[in-house]
């Protein structure tokens, strides 16, 4: 997957926005202002495409034990976030989308009931 495919997939999800809250090269996708994906574009420019996704702690460990392309990344909680190495080609696009879905759903699950209700009421285009 390239960054435009990931971007389009993320933005197709209800309540999603994109921004650069940390610096000019870290693209962040949020659902109702809660992060679910980080993409360091400076690495993409070097051919080292990665994304960082929220993940259930048990699933985090399972994924890291199963795939070399999934590991603990810098700057985030290693218990709740995985870095996904895309440029090695180990992971199929559909599986990457599943991991994005999981991250998005984890963030939504952690929202207050009020925020979840607000998300339900957002029209999807």
PDB file of N, CA and C in Angstrom:
ATOM      1  N   UNK A   1       0.845  -1.182   0.000  1.00  0.00           N
ATOM      2  CA  UNK A   1       0.000   0.000   0.000  1.00  0.00           C
ATOM      3  C   UNK A   1       0.889   1.244   0.000  1.00  0.00           C
ATOM      4  N   UNK A   2       0.449   2.249  -0.708  1.00  0.00           N
ATOM      5  CA  UNK A   2       1.169   3.515  -0.655  1.00  0.00           C
ATOM      6  C   UNK A   2       0.427   4.472   0.285  1.00  0.00           C
ATOM      7  N   UNK A   3       1.038   5.599   0.541  1.00  0.00           N
ATOM      8  CA  UNK A   3       0.471   6.521   1.529  1.00  0.00           C
ATOM      9  C   UNK A   3      -0.879   7.076   1.079  1.00  0.00           C
ATOM     10  N   UNK A   4      -1.071   7.265  -0.215  1.00  0.00           N
ATOM     11  CA  UNK A   4      -2.360   7.779  -0.692  1.00  0.00           C
ATOM     12  C   UNK A   4      -3.478   6.756  -0.493  1.00  0.00           C
ATOM     13  N   UNK A   5      -3.173   5.484  -0.654  1.00  0.00           N
ATOM     14  CA  UNK A   5      -4.167   4.438  -0.405  1.00  0.00           C
ATOM     15  C   UNK A   5      -4.519   4.380   1.082  1.00  0.00           C
ATOM     16  N   UNK A   6      -3.519   4.489   1.922  1.00  0.00           N
ATOM     17  CA  UNK A   6      -3.763   4.485   3.367  1.00  0.00           C
ATOM     18  C   UNK A   6      -4.567   5.720   3.750  1.00  0.00           C
ATOM     19  N   UNK A   7      -4.187   6.857   3.207  1.00  0.00           N
ATOM     20  CA  UNK A   7      -4.885   8.112   3.495  1.00  0.00           C
ATOM     21  C   UNK A   7      -6.359   8.008   3.092  1.00  0.00           C
ATOM     22  N   UNK A   8      -6.619   7.532   1.877  1.00  0.00           N
ATOM     23  CA  UNK A   8      -8.003   7.410   1.399  1.00  0.00           C
ATOM     24  C   UNK A   8      -8.785   6.438   2.277  1.00  0.00           C
ATOM     25  N   UNK A   9      -8.158   5.340   2.675  1.00  0.00           N
ATOM     26  CA  UNK A   9      -8.851   4.354   3.502  1.00  0.00           C
ATOM     27  C   UNK A   9      -9.204   4.964   4.871  1.00  0.00           C
ATOM     28  N   UNK A  10      -8.252   5.653   5.476  1.00  0.00           N
ATOM     29  CA  UNK A  10      -8.510   6.266   6.782  1.00  0.00           C
ATOM     30  C   UNK A  10      -9.605   7.318   6.689  1.00  0.00           C
ATOM     31  N   UNK A  11      -9.533   8.159   5.678  1.00  0.00           N
ATOM     32  CA  UNK A  11     -10.514   9.238   5.552  1.00  0.00           C
ATOM     33  C   UNK A  11     -11.909   8.735   5.186  1.00  0.00           C
ATOM     34  N   UNK A  12     -12.006   7.491   4.724  1.00  0.00           N
ATOM     35  CA  UNK A  12     -13.324   6.922   4.426  1.00  0.00           C
ATOM     36  C   UNK A  12     -14.055   6.481   5.695  1.00  0.00           C
ATOM     37  N   UNK A  13     -13.343   6.457   6.811  1.00  0.00           N
ATOM     38  CA  UNK A  13     -13.934   6.032   8.076  1.00  0.00           C
ATOM     39  C   UNK A  13     -14.666   7.202   8.735  1.00  0.00           C
ATOM     40  N   UNK A  14     -15.771   6.895   9.349  1.00  0.00           N
ATOM     41  CA  UNK A  14     -16.651   7.897   9.967  1.00  0.00           C
ATOM     42  C   UNK A  14     -15.907   8.710  11.032  1.00  0.00           C
ATOM     43  N   UNK A  15     -16.067  10.041  10.953  1.00  0.00           N
ATOM     44  CA  UNK A  15     -15.520  10.932  11.970  1.00  0.00           C
ATOM     45  C   UNK A  15     -14.018  11.135  11.921  1.00  0.00           C
ATOM     46  N   UNK A  16     -13.389  10.767  10.802  1.00  0.00           N
ATOM     47  CA  UNK A  16     -11.937  10.820  10.707  1.00  0.00           C
ATOM     48  C   UNK A  16     -11.446  12.146  10.129  1.00  0.00           C
ATOM     49  N   UNK A  17     -10.343  12.614  10.695  1.00  0.00           N
ATOM     50  CA  UNK A  17      -9.655  13.802  10.193  1.00  0.00           C
ATOM     51  C   UNK A  17      -8.160  13.512  10.134  1.00  0.00           C
ATOM     52  N   UNK A  18      -7.447  14.356   9.397  1.00  0.00           N
ATOM     53  CA  UNK A  18      -5.993  14.214   9.313  1.00  0.00           C
ATOM     54  C   UNK A  18      -5.353  15.536   9.718  1.00  0.00           C
ATOM     55  N   UNK A  19      -4.151  15.450  10.278  1.00  0.00           N
ATOM     56  CA  UNK A  19      -3.436  16.651  10.685  1.00  0.00           C
ATOM     57  C   UNK A  19      -1.959  16.330  10.892  1.00  0.00           C
ATOM     58  N   UNK A  20      -1.203  17.381  11.174  1.00  0.00           N
ATOM     59  CA  UNK A  20       0.218  17.269  11.495  1.00  0.00           C
ATOM     60  C   UNK A  20       0.445  17.917  12.865  1.00  0.00           C
ATOM     61  N   UNK A  21      -0.037  17.293  13.959  1.00  0.00           N
ATOM     62  CA  UNK A  21       0.017  17.936  15.271  1.00  0.00           C
ATOM     63  C   UNK A  21       1.407  17.987  15.910  1.00  0.00           C
ATOM     64  N   UNK A  22       2.322  17.129  15.473  1.00  0.00           N
ATOM     65  CA  UNK A  22       3.639  17.039  16.114  1.00  0.00           C
ATOM     66  C   UNK A  22       4.718  17.795  15.352  1.00  0.00           C
ATOM     67  N   UNK A  23       4.729  17.633  14.042  1.00  0.00           N
ATOM     68  CA  UNK A  23       5.707  18.284  13.182  1.00  0.00           C
ATOM     69  C   UNK A  23       5.188  18.217  11.755  1.00  0.00           C
ATOM     70  N   UNK A  24       5.951  18.748  10.815  1.00  0.00           N
ATOM     71  CA  UNK A  24       5.478  18.814   9.436  1.00  0.00           C
ATOM     72  C   UNK A  24       5.614  17.496   8.675  1.00  0.00           C
ATOM     73  N   UNK A  25       6.169  16.476   9.304  1.00  0.00           N
ATOM     74  CA  UNK A  25       6.333  15.215   8.572  1.00  0.00           C
ATOM     75  C   UNK A  25       5.610  14.024   9.184  1.00  0.00           C
ATOM     76  N   UNK A  26       4.933  14.194  10.311  1.00  0.00           N
ATOM     77  CA  UNK A  26       4.201  13.079  10.916  1.00  0.00           C
ATOM     78  C   UNK A  26       2.710  13.293  10.696  1.00  0.00           C
ATOM     79  N   UNK A  27       2.178  12.548   9.719  1.00  0.00           N
ATOM     80  CA  UNK A  27       0.757  12.608   9.393  1.00  0.00           C
ATOM     81  C   UNK A  27      -0.012  11.769  10.406  1.00  0.00           C
ATOM     82  N   UNK A  28      -1.046  12.363  11.000  1.00  0.00           N
ATOM     83  CA  UNK A  28      -1.824  11.694  12.037  1.00  0.00           C
ATOM     84  C   UNK A  28      -3.291  11.650  11.619  1.00  0.00           C
ATOM     85  N   UNK A  29      -3.890  10.485  11.773  1.00  0.00           N
ATOM     86  CA  UNK A  29      -5.328  10.325  11.529  1.00  0.00           C
ATOM     87  C   UNK A  29      -6.005  10.128  12.870  1.00  0.00           C
ATOM     88  N   UNK A  30      -7.121  10.854  13.045  1.00  0.00           N
ATOM     89  CA  UNK A  30      -7.864  10.821  14.303  1.00  0.00           C
ATOM     90  C   UNK A  30      -9.329  10.564  14.019  1.00  0.00           C
ATOM     91  N   UNK A  31      -9.979   9.911  14.974  1.00  0.00           N
ATOM     92  CA  UNK A  31     -11.433   9.797  14.965  1.00  0.00           C
ATOM     93  C   UNK A  31     -11.917  10.624  16.146  1.00  0.00           C
ATOM     94  N   UNK A  32     -12.729  11.630  15.857  1.00  0.00           N
ATOM     95  CA  UNK A  32     -13.192  12.587  16.866  1.00  0.00           C
ATOM     96  C   UNK A  32     -12.029  13.067  17.748  1.00  0.00           C
ATOM     97  N   UNK A  33     -10.964  13.443  17.099  1.00  0.00           N
ATOM     98  CA  UNK A  33      -9.778  14.026  17.735  1.00  0.00           C
ATOM     99  C   UNK A  33      -8.974  13.054  18.599  1.00  0.00           C
ATOM    100  N   UNK A  34      -9.179  11.746  18.397  1.00  0.00           N
ATOM    101  CA  UNK A  34      -8.395  10.724  19.100  1.00  0.00           C
ATOM    102  C   UNK A  34      -7.577   9.959  18.057  1.00  0.00           C
ATOM    103  N   UNK A  35      -6.267   9.896  18.273  1.00  0.00           N
ATOM    104  CA  UNK A  35      -5.363   9.280  17.288  1.00  0.00           C
ATOM    105  C   UNK A  35      -5.599   7.781  17.129  1.00  0.00           C
ATOM    106  N   UNK A  36      -5.570   7.340  15.852  1.00  0.00           N
ATOM    107  CA  UNK A  36      -5.569   5.900  15.605  1.00  0.00           C
ATOM    108  C   UNK A  36      -4.489   5.474  14.615  1.00  0.00           C
ATOM    109  N   UNK A  37      -3.854   6.412  13.915  1.00  0.00           N
ATOM    110  CA  UNK A  37      -2.775   6.064  12.985  1.00  0.00           C
ATOM    111  C   UNK A  37      -1.801   7.225  12.871  1.00  0.00           C
ATOM    112  N   UNK A  38      -0.515   6.900  12.926  1.00  0.00           N
ATOM    113  CA  UNK A  38       0.551   7.868  12.698  1.00  0.00           C
ATOM    114  C   UNK A  38       1.393   7.367  11.527  1.00  0.00           C
ATOM    115  N   UNK A  39       1.749   8.275  10.631  1.00  0.00           N
ATOM    116  CA  UNK A  39       2.585   7.920   9.478  1.00  0.00           C
ATOM    117  C   UNK A  39       3.731   8.922   9.368  1.00  0.00           C
ATOM    118  N   UNK A  40       4.963   8.491   9.681  1.00  0.00           N
ATOM    119  CA  UNK A  40       6.107   9.388   9.574  1.00  0.00           C
ATOM    120  C   UNK A  40       6.531   9.537   8.107  1.00  0.00           C
ATOM    121  N   UNK A  41       6.080  10.593   7.469  1.00  0.00           N
ATOM    122  CA  UNK A  41       6.301  10.769   6.035  1.00  0.00           C
ATOM    123  C   UNK A  41       7.777  10.892   5.673  1.00  0.00           C
ATOM    124  N   UNK A  42       8.606  11.346   6.596  1.00  0.00           N
ATOM    125  CA  UNK A  42      10.039  11.427   6.308  1.00  0.00           C
ATOM    126  C   UNK A  42      10.619  10.038   6.046  1.00  0.00           C
ATOM    127  N   UNK A  43      10.104   9.024   6.732  1.00  0.00           N
ATOM    128  CA  UNK A  43      10.540   7.643   6.466  1.00  0.00           C
ATOM    129  C   UNK A  43      10.001   7.149   5.131  1.00  0.00           C
ATOM    130  N   UNK A  44       8.769   7.516   4.810  1.00  0.00           N
ATOM    131  CA  UNK A  44       8.192   7.137   3.520  1.00  0.00           C
ATOM    132  C   UNK A  44       9.044   7.703   2.394  1.00  0.00           C
ATOM    133  N   UNK A  45       9.502   8.951   2.559  1.00  0.00           N
ATOM    134  CA  UNK A  45      10.337   9.590   1.539  1.00  0.00           C
ATOM    135  C   UNK A  45      11.656   8.847   1.334  1.00  0.00           C
ATOM    136  N   UNK A  46      12.138   8.160   2.374  1.00  0.00           N
ATOM    137  CA  UNK A  46      13.383   7.389   2.293  1.00  0.00           C
ATOM    138  C   UNK A  46      13.146   5.958   1.803  1.00  0.00           C
ATOM    139  N   UNK A  47      11.885   5.608   1.515  1.00  0.00           N
ATOM    140  CA  UNK A  47      11.572   4.238   1.109  1.00  0.00           C
ATOM    141  C   UNK A  47      11.386   3.290   2.274  1.00  0.00           C
ATOM    142  N   UNK A  48      11.218   3.829   3.474  1.00  0.00           N
ATOM    143  CA  UNK A  48      11.054   3.015   4.682  1.00  0.00           C
ATOM    144  C   UNK A  48       9.661   3.231   5.271  1.00  0.00           C
ATOM    145  N   UNK A  49       8.645   2.905   4.491  1.00  0.00           N
ATOM    146  CA  UNK A  49       7.253   3.174   4.855  1.00  0.00           C
ATOM    147  C   UNK A  49       6.818   2.387   6.079  1.00  0.00           C
ATOM    148  N   UNK A  50       6.362   3.129   7.097  1.00  0.00           N
ATOM    149  CA  UNK A  50       5.786   2.513   8.287  1.00  0.00           C
ATOM    150  C   UNK A  50       4.559   3.321   8.716  1.00  0.00           C
ATOM    151  N   UNK A  51       3.697   2.655   9.462  1.00  0.00           N
ATOM    152  CA  UNK A  51       2.599   3.326  10.151  1.00  0.00           C
ATOM    153  C   UNK A  51       2.577   2.786  11.576  1.00  0.00           C
ATOM    154  N   UNK A  52       2.035   3.564  12.479  1.00  0.00           N
ATOM    155  CA  UNK A  52       1.898   3.131  13.863  1.00  0.00           C
ATOM    156  C   UNK A  52       0.414   3.137  14.207  1.00  0.00           C
ATOM    157  N   UNK A  53      -0.031   2.019  14.775  1.00  0.00           N
ATOM    158  CA  UNK A  53      -1.455   1.794  15.032  1.00  0.00           C
ATOM    159  C   UNK A  53      -1.709   1.376  16.472  1.00  0.00           C
ATOM    160  N   UNK A  54      -2.837   1.799  17.002  1.00  0.00           N
ATOM    161  CA  UNK A  54      -3.286   1.356  18.324  1.00  0.00           C
ATOM    162  C   UNK A  54      -3.689  -0.117  18.229  1.00  0.00           C
ATOM    163  N   UNK A  55      -3.497  -0.839  19.332  1.00  0.00           N
ATOM    164  CA  UNK A  55      -3.782  -2.273  19.292  1.00  0.00           C
ATOM    165  C   UNK A  55      -4.103  -2.786  20.697  1.00  0.00           C
ATOM    166  N   UNK A  56      -4.992  -3.751  20.765  1.00  0.00           N
ATOM    167  CA  UNK A  56      -5.279  -4.448  22.010  1.00  0.00           C
ATOM    168  C   UNK A  56      -3.971  -5.055  22.534  1.00  0.00           C
ATOM    169  N   UNK A  57      -3.663  -4.908  23.823  1.00  0.00           N
ATOM    170  CA  UNK A  57      -2.381  -5.388  24.351  1.00  0.00           C
ATOM    171  C   UNK A  57      -2.088  -6.869  24.085  1.00  0.00           C
ATOM    172  N   UNK A  58      -3.081  -7.737  24.200  1.00  0.00           N
ATOM    173  CA  UNK A  58      -2.837  -9.164  23.932  1.00  0.00           C
ATOM    174  C   UNK A  58      -2.555  -9.392  22.448  1.00  0.00           C
ATOM    175  N   UNK A  59      -3.308  -8.735  21.607  1.00  0.00           N
ATOM    176  CA  UNK A  59      -3.126  -8.862  20.155  1.00  0.00           C
ATOM    177  C   UNK A  59      -1.792  -8.258  19.732  1.00  0.00           C
ATOM    178  N   UNK A  60      -1.369  -7.211  20.437  1.00  0.00           N
ATOM    179  CA  UNK A  60      -0.069  -6.588  20.167  1.00  0.00           C
ATOM    180  C   UNK A  60       1.036  -7.639  20.237  1.00  0.00           C
ATOM    181  N   UNK A  61       1.051  -8.380  21.313  1.00  0.00           N
ATOM    182  CA  UNK A  61       2.099  -9.385  21.522  1.00  0.00           C
ATOM    183  C   UNK A  61       1.993 -10.523  20.502  1.00  0.00           C
ATOM    184  N   UNK A  62       0.777 -10.933  20.207  1.00  0.00           N
ATOM    185  CA  UNK A  62       0.566 -11.992  19.215  1.00  0.00           C
ATOM    186  C   UNK A  62       1.099 -11.564  17.841  1.00  0.00           C
ATOM    187  N   UNK A  63       0.777 -10.340  17.446  1.00  0.00           N
ATOM    188  CA  UNK A  63       1.233  -9.845  16.148  1.00  0.00           C
ATOM    189  C   UNK A  63       2.755  -9.762  16.079  1.00  0.00           C
ATOM    190  N   UNK A  64       3.375  -9.263  17.133  1.00  0.00           N
ATOM    191  CA  UNK A  64       4.839  -9.142  17.147  1.00  0.00           C
ATOM    192  C   UNK A  64       5.523 -10.504  17.103  1.00  0.00           C
ATOM    193  N   UNK A  65       4.902 -11.495  17.729  1.00  0.00           N
ATOM    194  CA  UNK A  65       5.476 -12.844  17.723  1.00  0.00           C
ATOM    195  C   UNK A  65       5.307 -13.526  16.368  1.00  0.00           C
ATOM    196  N   UNK A  66       4.320 -13.099  15.593  1.00  0.00           N
ATOM    197  CA  UNK A  66       3.992 -13.749  14.327  1.00  0.00           C
ATOM    198  C   UNK A  66       4.657 -13.089  13.119  1.00  0.00           C
ATOM    199  N   UNK A  67       4.800 -11.769  13.144  1.00  0.00           N
ATOM    200  CA  UNK A  67       5.272 -11.034  11.965  1.00  0.00           C
ATOM    201  C   UNK A  67       6.513 -10.211  12.285  1.00  0.00           C
ATOM    202  N   UNK A  68       7.555 -10.363  11.477  1.00  0.00           N
ATOM    203  CA  UNK A  68       8.762  -9.550  11.639  1.00  0.00           C
ATOM    204  C   UNK A  68       8.481  -8.074  11.345  1.00  0.00           C
ATOM    205  N   UNK A  69       7.483  -7.819  10.518  1.00  0.00           N
ATOM    206  CA  UNK A  69       7.175  -6.458  10.100  1.00  0.00           C
ATOM    207  C   UNK A  69       6.307  -5.694  11.108  1.00  0.00           C
ATOM    208  N   UNK A  70       6.024  -6.290  12.239  1.00  0.00           N
ATOM    209  CA  UNK A  70       5.244  -5.620  13.287  1.00  0.00           C
ATOM    210  C   UNK A  70       6.077  -5.633  14.558  1.00  0.00           C
ATOM    211  N   UNK A  71       6.322  -4.439  15.097  1.00  0.00           N
ATOM    212  CA  UNK A  71       7.217  -4.327  16.238  1.00  0.00           C
ATOM    213  C   UNK A  71       6.858  -3.115  17.090  1.00  0.00           C
ATOM    214  N   UNK A  72       7.492  -3.039  18.255  1.00  0.00           N
ATOM    215  CA  UNK A  72       7.306  -1.890  19.147  1.00  0.00           C
ATOM    216  C   UNK A  72       8.021  -0.699  18.538  1.00  0.00           C
ATOM    217  N   UNK A  73       7.292   0.390  18.385  1.00  0.00           N
ATOM    218  CA  UNK A  73       7.877   1.569  17.759  1.00  0.00           C
ATOM    219  C   UNK A  73       8.269   2.620  18.775  1.00  0.00           C
ATOM    220  N   UNK A  74       8.953   3.651  18.297  1.00  0.00           N
ATOM    221  CA  UNK A  74       9.367   4.730  19.203  1.00  0.00           C
ATOM    222  C   UNK A  74       8.218   5.697  19.499  1.00  0.00           C
ATOM    223  N   UNK A  75       8.341   6.406  20.591  1.00  0.00           N
ATOM    224  CA  UNK A  75       7.475   7.548  20.941  1.00  0.00           C
ATOM    225  C   UNK A  75       6.057   7.196  21.367  1.00  0.00           C
ATOM    226  N   UNK A  76       5.684   5.929  21.403  1.00  0.00           N
ATOM    227  CA  UNK A  76       4.335   5.551  21.812  1.00  0.00           C
ATOM    228  C   UNK A  76       4.412   4.414  22.833  1.00  0.00           C
ATOM    229  N   UNK A  77       3.309   4.162  23.518  1.00  0.00           N
ATOM    230  CA  UNK A  77       3.248   3.063  24.476  1.00  0.00           C
ATOM    231  C   UNK A  77       3.423   1.734  23.755  1.00  0.00           C
ATOM    232  N   UNK A  78       4.437   0.988  24.132  1.00  0.00           N
ATOM    233  CA  UNK A  78       4.679  -0.314  23.493  1.00  0.00           C
ATOM    234  C   UNK A  78       3.601  -1.334  23.827  1.00  0.00           C
ATOM    235  N   UNK A  79       2.849  -1.073  24.876  1.00  0.00           N
ATOM    236  CA  UNK A  79       1.781  -1.990  25.260  1.00  0.00           C
ATOM    237  C   UNK A  79       0.559  -1.836  24.350  1.00  0.00           C
ATOM    238  N   UNK A  80       0.294  -0.607  23.885  1.00  0.00           N
ATOM    239  CA  UNK A  80      -0.942  -0.318  23.163  1.00  0.00           C
ATOM    240  C   UNK A  80      -0.751   0.071  21.695  1.00  0.00           C
ATOM    241  N   UNK A  81       0.482   0.151  21.222  1.00  0.00           N
ATOM    242  CA  UNK A  81       0.732   0.602  19.851  1.00  0.00           C
ATOM    243  C   UNK A  81       1.765  -0.302  19.182  1.00  0.00           C
ATOM    244  N   UNK A  82       1.553  -0.578  17.901  1.00  0.00           N
ATOM    245  CA  UNK A  82       2.500  -1.327  17.077  1.00  0.00           C
ATOM    246  C   UNK A  82       2.922  -0.480  15.889  1.00  0.00           C
ATOM    247  N   UNK A  83       4.178  -0.628  15.504  1.00  0.00           N
ATOM    248  CA  UNK A  83       4.632  -0.045  14.254  1.00  0.00           C
ATOM    249  C   UNK A  83       4.582  -1.146  13.206  1.00  0.00           C
ATOM    250  N   UNK A  84       4.018  -0.797  12.054  1.00  0.00           N
ATOM    251  CA  UNK A  84       3.826  -1.742  10.960  1.00  0.00           C
ATOM    252  C   UNK A  84       4.760  -1.344   9.825  1.00  0.00           C
ATOM    253  N   UNK A  85       5.682  -2.216   9.509  1.00  0.00           N
ATOM    254  CA  UNK A  85       6.635  -1.961   8.433  1.00  0.00           C
ATOM    255  C   UNK A  85       5.990  -2.396   7.114  1.00  0.00           C
ATOM    256  N   UNK A  86       5.702  -1.431   6.268  1.00  0.00           N
ATOM    257  CA  UNK A  86       5.011  -1.714   5.013  1.00  0.00           C
ATOM    258  C   UNK A  86       5.990  -2.023   3.886  1.00  0.00           C
ATOM    259  N   UNK A  87       7.145  -1.367   3.891  1.00  0.00           N
ATOM    260  CA  UNK A  87       8.062  -1.459   2.757  1.00  0.00           C
ATOM    261  C   UNK A  87       8.693  -2.833   2.560  1.00  0.00           C
ATOM    262  N   UNK A  88       8.689  -3.686   3.560  1.00  0.00           N
ATOM    263  CA  UNK A  88       9.263  -5.023   3.402  1.00  0.00           C
ATOM    264  C   UNK A  88       8.362  -5.954   2.599  1.00  0.00           C
ATOM    265  N   UNK A  89       7.067  -5.620   2.497  1.00  0.00           N
ATOM    266  CA  UNK A  89       6.147  -6.407   1.694  1.00  0.00           C
ATOM    267  C   UNK A  89       5.646  -7.685   2.321  1.00  0.00           C
ATOM    268  N   UNK A  90       5.928  -7.910   3.591  1.00  0.00           N
ATOM    269  CA  UNK A  90       5.473  -9.127   4.264  1.00  0.00           C
ATOM    270  C   UNK A  90       3.954  -9.155   4.434  1.00  0.00           C
ATOM    271  N   UNK A  91       3.358  -7.986   4.658  1.00  0.00           N
ATOM    272  CA  UNK A  91       1.934  -7.906   4.985  1.00  0.00           C
ATOM    273  C   UNK A  91       1.114  -7.505   3.769  1.00  0.00           C
ATOM    274  N   UNK A  92       0.057  -8.222   3.517  1.00  0.00           N
ATOM    275  CA  UNK A  92      -0.841  -7.954   2.386  1.00  0.00           C
ATOM    276  C   UNK A  92      -1.690  -6.708   2.676  1.00  0.00           C
ATOM    277  N   UNK A  93      -2.068  -5.965   1.637  1.00  0.00           N
ATOM    278  CA  UNK A  93      -2.884  -4.764   1.830  1.00  0.00           C
ATOM    279  C   UNK A  93      -4.167  -5.005   2.627  1.00  0.00           C
ATOM    280  N   UNK A  94      -4.837  -6.122   2.402  1.00  0.00           N
ATOM    281  CA  UNK A  94      -6.078  -6.391   3.136  1.00  0.00           C
ATOM    282  C   UNK A  94      -5.817  -6.577   4.627  1.00  0.00           C
ATOM    283  N   UNK A  95      -4.683  -7.196   4.961  1.00  0.00           N
ATOM    284  CA  UNK A  95      -4.334  -7.371   6.371  1.00  0.00           C
ATOM    285  C   UNK A  95      -3.992  -6.018   6.997  1.00  0.00           C
ATOM    286  N   UNK A  96      -3.299  -5.158   6.264  1.00  0.00           N
ATOM    287  CA  UNK A  96      -2.992  -3.819   6.757  1.00  0.00           C
ATOM    288  C   UNK A  96      -4.294  -3.060   7.014  1.00  0.00           C
ATOM    289  N   UNK A  97      -5.257  -3.184   6.117  1.00  0.00           N
ATOM    290  CA  UNK A  97      -6.562  -2.554   6.333  1.00  0.00           C
ATOM    291  C   UNK A  97      -7.242  -3.111   7.576  1.00  0.00           C
ATOM    292  N   UNK A  98      -7.130  -4.423   7.791  1.00  0.00           N
ATOM    293  CA  UNK A  98      -7.700  -5.032   9.005  1.00  0.00           C
ATOM    294  C   UNK A  98      -7.058  -4.438  10.261  1.00  0.00           C
ATOM    295  N   UNK A  99      -5.749  -4.216  10.221  1.00  0.00           N
ATOM    296  CA  UNK A  99      -5.051  -3.632  11.364  1.00  0.00           C
ATOM    297  C   UNK A  99      -5.472  -2.175  11.579  1.00  0.00           C
ATOM    298  N   UNK A 100      -5.692  -1.443  10.492  1.00  0.00           N
ATOM    299  CA  UNK A 100      -6.200  -0.074  10.597  1.00  0.00           C
ATOM    300  C   UNK A 100      -7.594  -0.090  11.213  1.00  0.00           C
ATOM    301  N   UNK A 101      -8.443  -1.006  10.755  1.00  0.00           N
ATOM    302  CA  UNK A 101      -9.792  -1.146  11.319  1.00  0.00           C
ATOM    303  C   UNK A 101      -9.726  -1.435  12.814  1.00  0.00           C
ATOM    304  N   UNK A 102      -8.832  -2.343  13.184  1.00  0.00           N
ATOM    305  CA  UNK A 102      -8.685  -2.712  14.598  1.00  0.00           C
ATOM    306  C   UNK A 102      -8.297  -1.476  15.423  1.00  0.00           C
ATOM    307  N   UNK A 103      -7.346  -0.696  14.919  1.00  0.00           N
ATOM    308  CA  UNK A 103      -6.905   0.509  15.613  1.00  0.00           C
ATOM    309  C   UNK A 103      -8.055   1.502  15.771  1.00  0.00           C
ATOM    310  N   UNK A 104      -8.739   1.762  14.684  1.00  0.00           N
ATOM    311  CA  UNK A 104      -9.893   2.675  14.697  1.00  0.00           C
ATOM    312  C   UNK A 104     -10.926   2.193  15.722  1.00  0.00           C
ATOM    313  N   UNK A 105     -11.252   0.907  15.681  1.00  0.00           N
ATOM    314  CA  UNK A 105     -12.257   0.346  16.588  1.00  0.00           C
ATOM    315  C   UNK A 105     -11.813   0.391  18.046  1.00  0.00           C
ATOM    316  N   UNK A 106     -10.515   0.209  18.298  1.00  0.00           N
ATOM    317  CA  UNK A 106      -9.993   0.306  19.664  1.00  0.00           C
ATOM    318  C   UNK A 106     -10.184   1.724  20.203  1.00  0.00           C
ATOM    319  N   UNK A 107      -9.918   2.701  19.372  1.00  0.00           N
ATOM    320  CA  UNK A 107     -10.064   4.092  19.799  1.00  0.00           C
ATOM    321  C   UNK A 107     -11.539   4.407  20.059  1.00  0.00           C
ATOM    322  N   UNK A 108     -12.408   3.986  19.170  1.00  0.00           N
ATOM    323  CA  UNK A 108     -13.843   4.227  19.350  1.00  0.00           C
ATOM    324  C   UNK A 108     -14.336   3.535  20.627  1.00  0.00           C
ATOM    325  N   UNK A 109     -13.894   2.323  20.851  1.00  0.00           N
ATOM    326  CA  UNK A 109     -14.293   1.558  22.032  1.00  0.00           C
ATOM    327  C   UNK A 109     -13.890   2.284  23.325  1.00  0.00           C
ATOM    328  N   UNK A 110     -12.785   3.001  23.296  1.00  0.00           N
ATOM    329  CA  UNK A 110     -12.303   3.709  24.472  1.00  0.00           C
ATOM    330  C   UNK A 110     -12.934   5.075  24.696  1.00  0.00           C
ATOM    331  N   UNK A 111     -13.791   5.495  23.777  1.00  0.00           N
ATOM    332  CA  UNK A 111     -14.455   6.795  23.896  1.00  0.00           C
ATOM    333  C   UNK A 111     -15.584   6.741  24.916  1.00  0.00           C
ATOM    334  N   UNK A 112     -15.955   7.908  25.384  1.00  0.00           N
ATOM    335  CA  UNK A 112     -17.123   7.992  26.265  1.00  0.00           C
ATOM    336  C   UNK A 112     -18.369   7.620  25.465  1.00  0.00           C
ATOM    337  N   UNK A 113     -19.411   7.268  26.175  1.00  0.00           N
ATOM    338  CA  UNK A 113     -20.692   6.952  25.509  1.00  0.00           C
ATOM    339  C   UNK A 113     -21.183   8.145  24.699  1.00  0.00           C
ATOM    340  N   UNK A 114     -20.989   9.333  25.240  1.00  0.00           N
ATOM    341  CA  UNK A 114     -21.413  10.548  24.550  1.00  0.00           C
ATOM    342  C   UNK A 114     -20.674  10.699  23.212  1.00  0.00           C
ATOM    343  N   UNK A 115     -19.377  10.463  23.222  1.00  0.00           N
ATOM    344  CA  UNK A 115     -18.601  10.561  21.979  1.00  0.00           C
ATOM    345  C   UNK A 115     -19.010   9.465  20.987  1.00  0.00           C
ATOM    346  N   UNK A 116     -19.244   8.258  21.493  1.00  0.00           N
ATOM    347  CA  UNK A 116     -19.679   7.170  20.619  1.00  0.00           C
ATOM    348  C   UNK A 116     -21.011   7.510  19.964  1.00  0.00           C
ATOM    349  N   UNK A 117     -21.899   8.114  20.728  1.00  0.00           N
ATOM    350  CA  UNK A 117     -23.199   8.529  20.190  1.00  0.00           C
ATOM    351  C   UNK A 117     -23.017   9.632  19.150  1.00  0.00           C
ATOM    352  N   UNK A 118     -22.136  10.550  19.427  1.00  0.00           N
ATOM    353  CA  UNK A 118     -21.828  11.624  18.476  1.00  0.00           C
ATOM    354  C   UNK A 118     -21.305  11.039  17.160  1.00  0.00           C
ATOM    355  N   UNK A 119     -20.443  10.037  17.271  1.00  0.00           N
ATOM    356  CA  UNK A 119     -19.885   9.384  16.081  1.00  0.00           C
ATOM    357  C   UNK A 119     -20.983   8.697  15.270  1.00  0.00           C
ATOM    358  N   UNK A 120     -21.917   8.040  15.957  1.00  0.00           N
ATOM    359  CA  UNK A 120     -23.029   7.377  15.262  1.00  0.00           C
ATOM    360  C   UNK A 120     -23.854   8.350  14.464  1.00  0.00           C
ATOM    361  N   UNK A 121     -23.968   9.595  14.952  1.00  0.00           N
ATOM    362  CA  UNK A 121     -24.813  10.582  14.308  1.00  0.00           C
ATOM    363  C   UNK A 121     -24.124  11.333  13.166  1.00  0.00           C
ATOM    364  N   UNK A 122     -22.863  11.054  12.929  1.00  0.00           N
ATOM    365  CA  UNK A 122     -22.154  11.686  11.820  1.00  0.00           C
ATOM    366  C   UNK A 122     -22.544  10.958  10.535  1.00  0.00           C
ATOM    367  N   UNK A 123     -22.955  11.711   9.541  1.00  0.00           N
ATOM    368  CA  UNK A 123     -23.285  11.062   8.269  1.00  0.00           C
ATOM    369  C   UNK A 123     -21.995  10.714   7.536  1.00  0.00           C
ATOM    370  N   UNK A 124     -22.009   9.596   6.868  1.00  0.00           N
ATOM    371  CA  UNK A 124     -20.831   9.108   6.146  1.00  0.00           C
ATOM    372  C   UNK A 124     -20.951   9.509   4.690  1.00  0.00           C
ATOM    373  N   UNK A 125     -20.749  10.775   4.424  1.00  0.00           N
ATOM    374  CA  UNK A 125     -20.801  11.392   3.084  1.00  0.00           C
ATOM    375  C   UNK A 125     -22.214  11.482   2.678  1.00  0.00           C
TER     376      UNK A 125
END
